Amino acid sequence: MTCNYMNEGCDGGWPHFNVFLAENGYMVSEECAPYKQKTKGDHCSYYGSCKPVAKVQRSYFVGGGWGNTSEKKMMKEILRNGPINGDF
């Protein structure tokens, strides 16, 4: 994903903002913007030349709202629609 300016820059953040940016922006390749465990000292400008490779069409909360999910609802969502974005 491009450096997420909506989610504390490259300094971590919240999964639901990652999906929101992927829906309203785009995803980039791992080759152009590799995952890093730590991003201290990293800058969004390093990834400005990354080309879009994917876009999320629609995102939503499993269970309909923040905090209204369960393990069973998440399992059903994965079975029906594939991967989910989560936090703990």
PDB file of N, CA and C in Angstrom:
ATOM      1  N   MET A   1       0.850  -1.164   0.000  1.00  0.00           N
ATOM      2  CA  MET A   1       0.000   0.000   0.000  1.00  0.00           C
ATOM      3  C   MET A   1       0.897   1.228   0.000  1.00  0.00           C
ATOM      4  N   THR A   2       0.399   2.274  -0.571  1.00  0.00           N
ATOM      5  CA  THR A   2       1.170   3.507  -0.517  1.00  0.00           C
ATOM      6  C   THR A   2       1.335   3.923   0.932  1.00  0.00           C
ATOM      7  N   CYS A   3       2.299   4.722   1.210  1.00  0.00           N
ATOM      8  CA  CYS A   3       2.495   5.217   2.569  1.00  0.00           C
ATOM      9  C   CYS A   3       1.204   5.915   2.997  1.00  0.00           C
ATOM     10  N   ASN A   4       0.619   5.451   4.044  1.00  0.00           N
ATOM     11  CA  ASN A   4      -0.729   5.860   4.426  1.00  0.00           C
ATOM     12  C   ASN A   4      -0.719   7.157   5.213  1.00  0.00           C
ATOM     13  N   TYR A   5      -0.934   8.259   4.536  1.00  0.00           N
ATOM     14  CA  TYR A   5      -0.944   9.577   5.167  1.00  0.00           C
ATOM     15  C   TYR A   5      -2.134   9.757   6.101  1.00  0.00           C
ATOM     16  N   MET A   6      -3.149   8.891   6.011  1.00  0.00           N
ATOM     17  CA  MET A   6      -4.331   8.991   6.872  1.00  0.00           C
ATOM     18  C   MET A   6      -4.139   8.198   8.163  1.00  0.00           C
ATOM     19  N   ASN A   7      -3.029   7.502   8.296  1.00  0.00           N
ATOM     20  CA  ASN A   7      -2.856   6.539   9.362  1.00  0.00           C
ATOM     21  C   ASN A   7      -1.503   6.706  10.051  1.00  0.00           C
ATOM     22  N   GLU A   8      -1.237   7.885  10.539  1.00  0.00           N
ATOM     23  CA  GLU A   8       0.014   8.175  11.245  1.00  0.00           C
ATOM     24  C   GLU A   8       1.228   7.995  10.337  1.00  0.00           C
ATOM     25  N   GLY A   9       1.079   8.326   9.068  1.00  0.00           N
ATOM     26  CA  GLY A   9       2.191   8.220   8.126  1.00  0.00           C
ATOM     27  C   GLY A   9       2.740   6.819   8.060  1.00  0.00           C
ATOM     28  N   CYS A  10       4.035   6.687   8.099  1.00  0.00           N
ATOM     29  CA  CYS A  10       4.676   5.368   8.062  1.00  0.00           C
ATOM     30  C   CYS A  10       4.974   4.864   9.477  1.00  0.00           C
ATOM     31  N   ASP A  11       4.315   5.406  10.475  1.00  0.00           N
ATOM     32  CA  ASP A  11       4.627   5.063  11.859  1.00  0.00           C
ATOM     33  C   ASP A  11       3.614   4.121  12.504  1.00  0.00           C
ATOM     34  N   GLY A  12       2.967   3.260  11.729  1.00  0.00           N
ATOM     35  CA  GLY A  12       2.010   2.322  12.301  1.00  0.00           C
ATOM     36  C   GLY A  12       0.597   2.819  12.124  1.00  0.00           C
ATOM     37  N   GLY A  13      -0.303   2.424  12.998  1.00  0.00           N
ATOM     38  CA  GLY A  13      -1.654   2.952  12.919  1.00  0.00           C
ATOM     39  C   GLY A  13      -2.743   1.912  13.025  1.00  0.00           C
ATOM     40  N   TRP A  14      -3.868   2.214  12.420  1.00  0.00           N
ATOM     41  CA  TRP A  14      -5.104   1.462  12.587  1.00  0.00           C
ATOM     42  C   TRP A  14      -5.481   0.719  11.315  1.00  0.00           C
ATOM     43  N   PRO A  15      -5.803  -0.582  11.384  1.00  0.00           N
ATOM     44  CA  PRO A  15      -6.140  -1.360  10.196  1.00  0.00           C
ATOM     45  C   PRO A  15      -7.312  -0.807   9.390  1.00  0.00           C
ATOM     46  N   HIS A  16      -8.344  -0.281  10.052  1.00  0.00           N
ATOM     47  CA  HIS A  16      -9.490   0.202   9.280  1.00  0.00           C
ATOM     48  C   HIS A  16      -9.112   1.409   8.418  1.00  0.00           C
ATOM     49  N   PHE A  17      -8.111   2.175   8.807  1.00  0.00           N
ATOM     50  CA  PHE A  17      -7.647   3.263   7.952  1.00  0.00           C
ATOM     51  C   PHE A  17      -6.851   2.731   6.764  1.00  0.00           C
ATOM     52  N   ASN A  18      -6.156   1.606   6.944  1.00  0.00           N
ATOM     53  CA  ASN A  18      -5.460   0.994   5.812  1.00  0.00           C
ATOM     54  C   ASN A  18      -6.451   0.598   4.731  1.00  0.00           C
ATOM     55  N   VAL A  19      -7.547  -0.034   5.130  1.00  0.00           N
ATOM     56  CA  VAL A  19      -8.559  -0.445   4.155  1.00  0.00           C
ATOM     57  C   VAL A  19      -9.216   0.786   3.540  1.00  0.00           C
ATOM     58  N   PHE A  20      -9.477   1.806   4.332  1.00  0.00           N
ATOM     59  CA  PHE A  20     -10.082   3.025   3.808  1.00  0.00           C
ATOM     60  C   PHE A  20      -9.182   3.644   2.737  1.00  0.00           C
ATOM     61  N   LEU A  21      -7.874   3.688   2.978  1.00  0.00           N
ATOM     62  CA  LEU A  21      -6.960   4.241   1.988  1.00  0.00           C
ATOM     63  C   LEU A  21      -6.906   3.354   0.752  1.00  0.00           C
ATOM     64  N   ALA A  22      -6.908   2.032   0.928  1.00  0.00           N
ATOM     65  CA  ALA A  22      -6.886   1.126  -0.219  1.00  0.00           C
ATOM     66  C   ALA A  22      -8.149   1.275  -1.060  1.00  0.00           C
ATOM     67  N   GLU A  23      -9.253   1.627  -0.423  1.00  0.00           N
ATOM     68  CA  GLU A  23     -10.515   1.839  -1.140  1.00  0.00           C
ATOM     69  C   GLU A  23     -10.524   3.199  -1.843  1.00  0.00           C
ATOM     70  N   ASN A  24      -9.970   4.202  -1.226  1.00  0.00           N
ATOM     71  CA  ASN A  24      -9.990   5.552  -1.783  1.00  0.00           C
ATOM     72  C   ASN A  24      -8.691   5.925  -2.502  1.00  0.00           C
ATOM     73  N   GLY A  25      -7.710   5.062  -2.408  1.00  0.00           N
ATOM     74  CA  GLY A  25      -6.431   5.246  -3.094  1.00  0.00           C
ATOM     75  C   GLY A  25      -6.127   3.982  -3.877  1.00  0.00           C
ATOM     76  N   TYR A  26      -5.000   3.353  -3.591  1.00  0.00           N
ATOM     77  CA  TYR A  26      -4.629   2.126  -4.291  1.00  0.00           C
ATOM     78  C   TYR A  26      -3.542   1.384  -3.524  1.00  0.00           C
ATOM     79  N   MET A  27      -3.302   0.139  -3.948  1.00  0.00           N
ATOM     80  CA  MET A  27      -2.251  -0.698  -3.390  1.00  0.00           C
ATOM     81  C   MET A  27      -1.071  -0.686  -4.361  1.00  0.00           C
ATOM     82  N   VAL A  28       0.128  -0.886  -3.834  1.00  0.00           N
ATOM     83  CA  VAL A  28       1.328  -0.956  -4.670  1.00  0.00           C
ATOM     84  C   VAL A  28       2.007  -2.306  -4.448  1.00  0.00           C
ATOM     85  N   SER A  29       2.992  -2.618  -5.264  1.00  0.00           N
ATOM     86  CA  SER A  29       3.661  -3.918  -5.177  1.00  0.00           C
ATOM     87  C   SER A  29       4.615  -3.983  -3.986  1.00  0.00           C
ATOM     88  N   GLU A  30       4.860  -5.191  -3.540  1.00  0.00           N
ATOM     89  CA  GLU A  30       5.826  -5.450  -2.469  1.00  0.00           C
ATOM     90  C   GLU A  30       7.231  -5.068  -2.932  1.00  0.00           C
ATOM     91  N   GLU A  31       7.500  -5.219  -4.219  1.00  0.00           N
ATOM     92  CA  GLU A  31       8.817  -4.878  -4.754  1.00  0.00           C
ATOM     93  C   GLU A  31       9.093  -3.378  -4.616  1.00  0.00           C
ATOM     94  N   CYS A  32       8.090  -2.561  -4.856  1.00  0.00           N
ATOM     95  CA  CYS A  32       8.284  -1.106  -4.800  1.00  0.00           C
ATOM     96  C   CYS A  32       8.252  -0.583  -3.360  1.00  0.00           C
ATOM     97  N   ALA A  33       7.403  -1.155  -2.540  1.00  0.00           N
ATOM     98  CA  ALA A  33       7.266  -0.699  -1.152  1.00  0.00           C
ATOM     99  C   ALA A  33       7.262  -1.917  -0.233  1.00  0.00           C
ATOM    100  N   PRO A  34       8.423  -2.507   0.018  1.00  0.00           N
ATOM    101  CA  PRO A  34       8.482  -3.721   0.840  1.00  0.00           C
ATOM    102  C   PRO A  34       8.029  -3.483   2.278  1.00  0.00           C
ATOM    103  N   TYR A  35       7.424  -4.516   2.850  1.00  0.00           N
ATOM    104  CA  TYR A  35       7.008  -4.444   4.251  1.00  0.00           C
ATOM    105  C   TYR A  35       8.247  -4.306   5.121  1.00  0.00           C
ATOM    106  N   LYS A  36       8.159  -3.428   6.103  1.00  0.00           N
ATOM    107  CA  LYS A  36       9.235  -3.263   7.077  1.00  0.00           C
ATOM    108  C   LYS A  36       8.631  -3.344   8.463  1.00  0.00           C
ATOM    109  N   GLN A  37       9.308  -4.040   9.340  1.00  0.00           N
ATOM    110  CA  GLN A  37       8.827  -4.162  10.709  1.00  0.00           C
ATOM    111  C   GLN A  37       8.833  -2.805  11.403  1.00  0.00           C
ATOM    112  N   LYS A  38       9.820  -1.995  11.113  1.00  0.00           N
ATOM    113  CA  LYS A  38       9.922  -0.666  11.711  1.00  0.00           C
ATOM    114  C   LYS A  38      10.042   0.359  10.597  1.00  0.00           C
ATOM    115  N   THR A  39       9.419   1.506  10.784  1.00  0.00           N
ATOM    116  CA  THR A  39       9.458   2.538   9.749  1.00  0.00           C
ATOM    117  C   THR A  39      10.067   3.851  10.262  1.00  0.00           C
ATOM    118  N   LYS A  40      10.700   3.806  11.411  1.00  0.00           N
ATOM    119  CA  LYS A  40      11.318   5.023  11.940  1.00  0.00           C
ATOM    120  C   LYS A  40      12.348   5.543  10.936  1.00  0.00           C
ATOM    121  N   GLY A  41      12.233   6.810  10.609  1.00  0.00           N
ATOM    122  CA  GLY A  41      13.138   7.426   9.653  1.00  0.00           C
ATOM    123  C   GLY A  41      12.705   7.269   8.209  1.00  0.00           C
ATOM    124  N   ASP A  42      11.647   6.489   7.973  1.00  0.00           N
ATOM    125  CA  ASP A  42      11.115   6.306   6.629  1.00  0.00           C
ATOM    126  C   ASP A  42      10.245   7.504   6.271  1.00  0.00           C
ATOM    127  N   HIS A  43      10.098   7.798   4.997  1.00  0.00           N
ATOM    128  CA  HIS A  43       9.288   8.931   4.551  1.00  0.00           C
ATOM    129  C   HIS A  43       8.381   8.504   3.411  1.00  0.00           C
ATOM    130  N   CYS A  44       7.171   9.014   3.400  1.00  0.00           N
ATOM    131  CA  CYS A  44       6.217   8.692   2.334  1.00  0.00           C
ATOM    132  C   CYS A  44       6.791   9.035   0.966  1.00  0.00           C
ATOM    133  N   SER A  45       7.604  10.052   0.882  1.00  0.00           N
ATOM    134  CA  SER A  45       8.165  10.471  -0.414  1.00  0.00           C
ATOM    135  C   SER A  45       9.035   9.378  -1.043  1.00  0.00           C
ATOM    136  N   TYR A  46       9.539   8.423  -0.252  1.00  0.00           N
ATOM    137  CA  TYR A  46      10.337   7.330  -0.795  1.00  0.00           C
ATOM    138  C   TYR A  46       9.518   6.452  -1.736  1.00  0.00           C
ATOM    139  N   TYR A  47       8.195   6.481  -1.605  1.00  0.00           N
ATOM    140  CA  TYR A  47       7.332   5.569  -2.356  1.00  0.00           C
ATOM    141  C   TYR A  47       6.478   6.290  -3.400  1.00  0.00           C
ATOM    142  N   GLY A  48       6.802   7.534  -3.670  1.00  0.00           N
ATOM    143  CA  GLY A  48       6.019   8.337  -4.607  1.00  0.00           C
ATOM    144  C   GLY A  48       6.003   7.811  -6.024  1.00  0.00           C
ATOM    145  N   SER A  49       7.000   7.041  -6.407  1.00  0.00           N
ATOM    146  CA  SER A  49       7.055   6.520  -7.773  1.00  0.00           C
ATOM    147  C   SER A  49       6.395   5.151  -7.916  1.00  0.00           C
ATOM    148  N   CYS A  50       5.869   4.599  -6.845  1.00  0.00           N
ATOM    149  CA  CYS A  50       5.217   3.289  -6.903  1.00  0.00           C
ATOM    150  C   CYS A  50       3.934   3.366  -7.726  1.00  0.00           C
ATOM    151  N   LYS A  51       3.783   2.416  -8.633  1.00  0.00           N
ATOM    152  CA  LYS A  51       2.606   2.375  -9.511  1.00  0.00           C
ATOM    153  C   LYS A  51       1.475   1.600  -8.842  1.00  0.00           C
ATOM    154  N   PRO A  52       0.230   1.999  -9.088  1.00  0.00           N
ATOM    155  CA  PRO A  52      -0.920   1.256  -8.555  1.00  0.00           C
ATOM    156  C   PRO A  52      -0.979  -0.149  -9.149  1.00  0.00           C
ATOM    157  N   VAL A  53      -1.250  -1.153  -8.308  1.00  0.00           N
ATOM    158  CA  VAL A  53      -1.419  -2.521  -8.803  1.00  0.00           C
ATOM    159  C   VAL A  53      -2.778  -3.101  -8.425  1.00  0.00           C
ATOM    160  N   ALA A  54      -3.455  -2.533  -7.438  1.00  0.00           N
ATOM    161  CA  ALA A  54      -4.769  -3.041  -7.012  1.00  0.00           C
ATOM    162  C   ALA A  54      -5.523  -1.950  -6.266  1.00  0.00           C
ATOM    163  N   LYS A  55      -6.839  -2.119  -6.200  1.00  0.00           N
ATOM    164  CA  LYS A  55      -7.693  -1.172  -5.499  1.00  0.00           C
ATOM    165  C   LYS A  55      -8.807  -1.958  -4.801  1.00  0.00           C
ATOM    166  N   VAL A  56      -9.157  -1.570  -3.599  1.00  0.00           N
ATOM    167  CA  VAL A  56     -10.276  -2.179  -2.875  1.00  0.00           C
ATOM    168  C   VAL A  56     -11.555  -1.487  -3.343  1.00  0.00           C
ATOM    169  N   GLN A  57     -12.533  -2.262  -3.771  1.00  0.00           N
ATOM    170  CA  GLN A  57     -13.778  -1.691  -4.276  1.00  0.00           C
ATOM    171  C   GLN A  57     -14.726  -1.263  -3.161  1.00  0.00           C
ATOM    172  N   ARG A  58     -14.779  -2.067  -2.089  1.00  0.00           N
ATOM    173  CA  ARG A  58     -15.727  -1.770  -1.011  1.00  0.00           C
ATOM    174  C   ARG A  58     -15.210  -2.380   0.276  1.00  0.00           C
ATOM    175  N   SER A  59     -15.273  -1.616   1.356  1.00  0.00           N
ATOM    176  CA  SER A  59     -14.884  -2.137   2.666  1.00  0.00           C
ATOM    177  C   SER A  59     -16.042  -1.937   3.642  1.00  0.00           C
ATOM    178  N   TYR A  60     -16.046  -2.702   4.701  1.00  0.00           N
ATOM    179  CA  TYR A  60     -17.103  -2.631   5.701  1.00  0.00           C
ATOM    180  C   TYR A  60     -16.627  -3.323   6.966  1.00  0.00           C
ATOM    181  N   PHE A  61     -17.310  -3.098   8.042  1.00  0.00           N
ATOM    182  CA  PHE A  61     -16.994  -3.758   9.311  1.00  0.00           C
ATOM    183  C   PHE A  61     -17.712  -5.107   9.366  1.00  0.00           C
ATOM    184  N   VAL A  62     -16.984  -6.156   9.698  1.00  0.00           N
ATOM    185  CA  VAL A  62     -17.615  -7.456   9.927  1.00  0.00           C
ATOM    186  C   VAL A  62     -18.504  -7.301  11.146  1.00  0.00           C
ATOM    187  N   GLY A  63     -19.767  -7.638  11.026  1.00  0.00           N
ATOM    188  CA  GLY A  63     -20.722  -7.459  12.114  1.00  0.00           C
ATOM    189  C   GLY A  63     -21.472  -6.146  12.009  1.00  0.00           C
ATOM    190  N   GLY A  64     -21.105  -5.297  11.028  1.00  0.00           N
ATOM    191  CA  GLY A  64     -21.845  -4.075  10.783  1.00  0.00           C
ATOM    192  C   GLY A  64     -21.326  -2.822  11.462  1.00  0.00           C
ATOM    193  N   GLY A  65     -20.459  -2.948  12.445  1.00  0.00           N
ATOM    194  CA  GLY A  65     -19.961  -1.760  13.130  1.00  0.00           C
ATOM    195  C   GLY A  65     -18.759  -2.081  13.990  1.00  0.00           C
ATOM    196  N   TRP A  66     -18.036  -1.039  14.346  1.00  0.00           N
ATOM    197  CA  TRP A  66     -16.835  -1.176  15.184  1.00  0.00           C
ATOM    198  C   TRP A  66     -17.183  -1.883  16.486  1.00  0.00           C
ATOM    199  N   GLY A  67     -16.484  -2.973  16.798  1.00  0.00           N
ATOM    200  CA  GLY A  67     -16.687  -3.694  18.043  1.00  0.00           C
ATOM    201  C   GLY A  67     -17.878  -4.630  18.044  1.00  0.00           C
ATOM    202  N   ASN A  68     -18.534  -4.793  16.904  1.00  0.00           N
ATOM    203  CA  ASN A  68     -19.730  -5.641  16.836  1.00  0.00           C
ATOM    204  C   ASN A  68     -19.445  -6.910  16.053  1.00  0.00           C
ATOM    205  N   THR A  69     -18.335  -7.539  16.328  1.00  0.00           N
ATOM    206  CA  THR A  69     -18.002  -8.768  15.626  1.00  0.00           C
ATOM    207  C   THR A  69     -17.696  -9.871  16.627  1.00  0.00           C
ATOM    208  N   SER A  70     -17.492 -11.048  16.111  1.00  0.00           N
ATOM    209  CA  SER A  70     -17.144 -12.198  16.946  1.00  0.00           C
ATOM    210  C   SER A  70     -16.252 -13.112  16.115  1.00  0.00           C
ATOM    211  N   GLU A  71     -15.642 -14.071  16.768  1.00  0.00           N
ATOM    212  CA  GLU A  71     -14.804 -15.029  16.063  1.00  0.00           C
ATOM    213  C   GLU A  71     -15.627 -15.769  15.001  1.00  0.00           C
ATOM    214  N   LYS A  72     -16.837 -16.130  15.344  1.00  0.00           N
ATOM    215  CA  LYS A  72     -17.705 -16.850  14.401  1.00  0.00           C
ATOM    216  C   LYS A  72     -18.035 -15.983  13.177  1.00  0.00           C
ATOM    217  N   LYS A  73     -18.341 -14.700  13.389  1.00  0.00           N
ATOM    218  CA  LYS A  73     -18.635 -13.798  12.273  1.00  0.00           C
ATOM    219  C   LYS A  73     -17.403 -13.629  11.381  1.00  0.00           C
ATOM    220  N   MET A  74     -16.225 -13.553  11.993  1.00  0.00           N
ATOM    221  CA  MET A  74     -15.002 -13.422  11.209  1.00  0.00           C
ATOM    222  C   MET A  74     -14.743 -14.679  10.391  1.00  0.00           C
ATOM    223  N   MET A  75     -14.970 -15.861  10.969  1.00  0.00           N
ATOM    224  CA  MET A  75     -14.773 -17.108  10.238  1.00  0.00           C
ATOM    225  C   MET A  75     -15.729 -17.196   9.046  1.00  0.00           C
ATOM    226  N   LYS A  76     -16.984 -16.795   9.247  1.00  0.00           N
ATOM    227  CA  LYS A  76     -17.954 -16.802   8.143  1.00  0.00           C
ATOM    228  C   LYS A  76     -17.525 -15.836   7.046  1.00  0.00           C
ATOM    229  N   GLU A  77     -17.046 -14.676   7.427  1.00  0.00           N
ATOM    230  CA  GLU A  77     -16.602 -13.682   6.452  1.00  0.00           C
ATOM    231  C   GLU A  77     -15.439 -14.218   5.626  1.00  0.00           C
ATOM    232  N   ILE A  78     -14.469 -14.839   6.264  1.00  0.00           N
ATOM    233  CA  ILE A  78     -13.324 -15.414   5.553  1.00  0.00           C
ATOM    234  C   ILE A  78     -13.787 -16.511   4.606  1.00  0.00           C
ATOM    235  N   LEU A  79     -14.696 -17.360   5.054  1.00  0.00           N
ATOM    236  CA  LEU A  79     -15.213 -18.442   4.216  1.00  0.00           C
ATOM    237  C   LEU A  79     -15.938 -17.895   2.991  1.00  0.00           C
ATOM    238  N   ARG A  80     -16.753 -16.870   3.176  1.00  0.00           N
ATOM    239  CA  ARG A  80     -17.567 -16.325   2.082  1.00  0.00           C
ATOM    240  C   ARG A  80     -16.798 -15.387   1.154  1.00  0.00           C
ATOM    241  N   ASN A  81     -15.916 -14.554   1.721  1.00  0.00           N
ATOM    242  CA  ASN A  81     -15.327 -13.476   0.932  1.00  0.00           C
ATOM    243  C   ASN A  81     -13.806 -13.421   0.928  1.00  0.00           C
ATOM    244  N   GLY A  82     -13.143 -14.258   1.690  1.00  0.00           N
ATOM    245  CA  GLY A  82     -11.685 -14.249   1.693  1.00  0.00           C
ATOM    246  C   GLY A  82     -11.106 -13.463   2.855  1.00  0.00           C
ATOM    247  N   PRO A  83      -9.863 -13.002   2.718  1.00  0.00           N
ATOM    248  CA  PRO A  83      -9.128 -12.381   3.824  1.00  0.00           C
ATOM    249  C   PRO A  83      -9.842 -11.173   4.433  1.00  0.00           C
ATOM    250  N   ILE A  84      -9.592 -10.991   5.711  1.00  0.00           N
ATOM    251  CA  ILE A  84     -10.113  -9.811   6.421  1.00  0.00           C
ATOM    252  C   ILE A  84      -8.932  -9.033   6.999  1.00  0.00           C
ATOM    253  N   ASN A  85      -9.177  -7.790   7.324  1.00  0.00           N
ATOM    254  CA  ASN A  85      -8.183  -6.922   7.941  1.00  0.00           C
ATOM    255  C   ASN A  85      -8.537  -6.820   9.415  1.00  0.00           C
ATOM    256  N   GLY A  86      -7.579  -7.074  10.296  1.00  0.00           N
ATOM    257  CA  GLY A  86      -7.913  -7.078  11.716  1.00  0.00           C
ATOM    258  C   GLY A  86      -6.868  -6.416  12.590  1.00  0.00           C
ATOM    259  N   ASP A  87      -7.213  -6.284  13.836  1.00  0.00           N
ATOM    260  CA  ASP A  87      -6.353  -5.669  14.839  1.00  0.00           C
ATOM    261  C   ASP A  87      -6.609  -6.392  16.148  1.00  0.00           C
ATOM    262  N   PHE A  88      -5.702  -6.304  17.053  1.00  0.00           N
ATOM    263  CA  PHE A  88      -5.930  -6.866  18.392  1.00  0.00           C
ATOM    264  C   PHE A  88      -5.440  -5.924  19.440  1.00  0.00           C
TER     265      PHE A  88
END
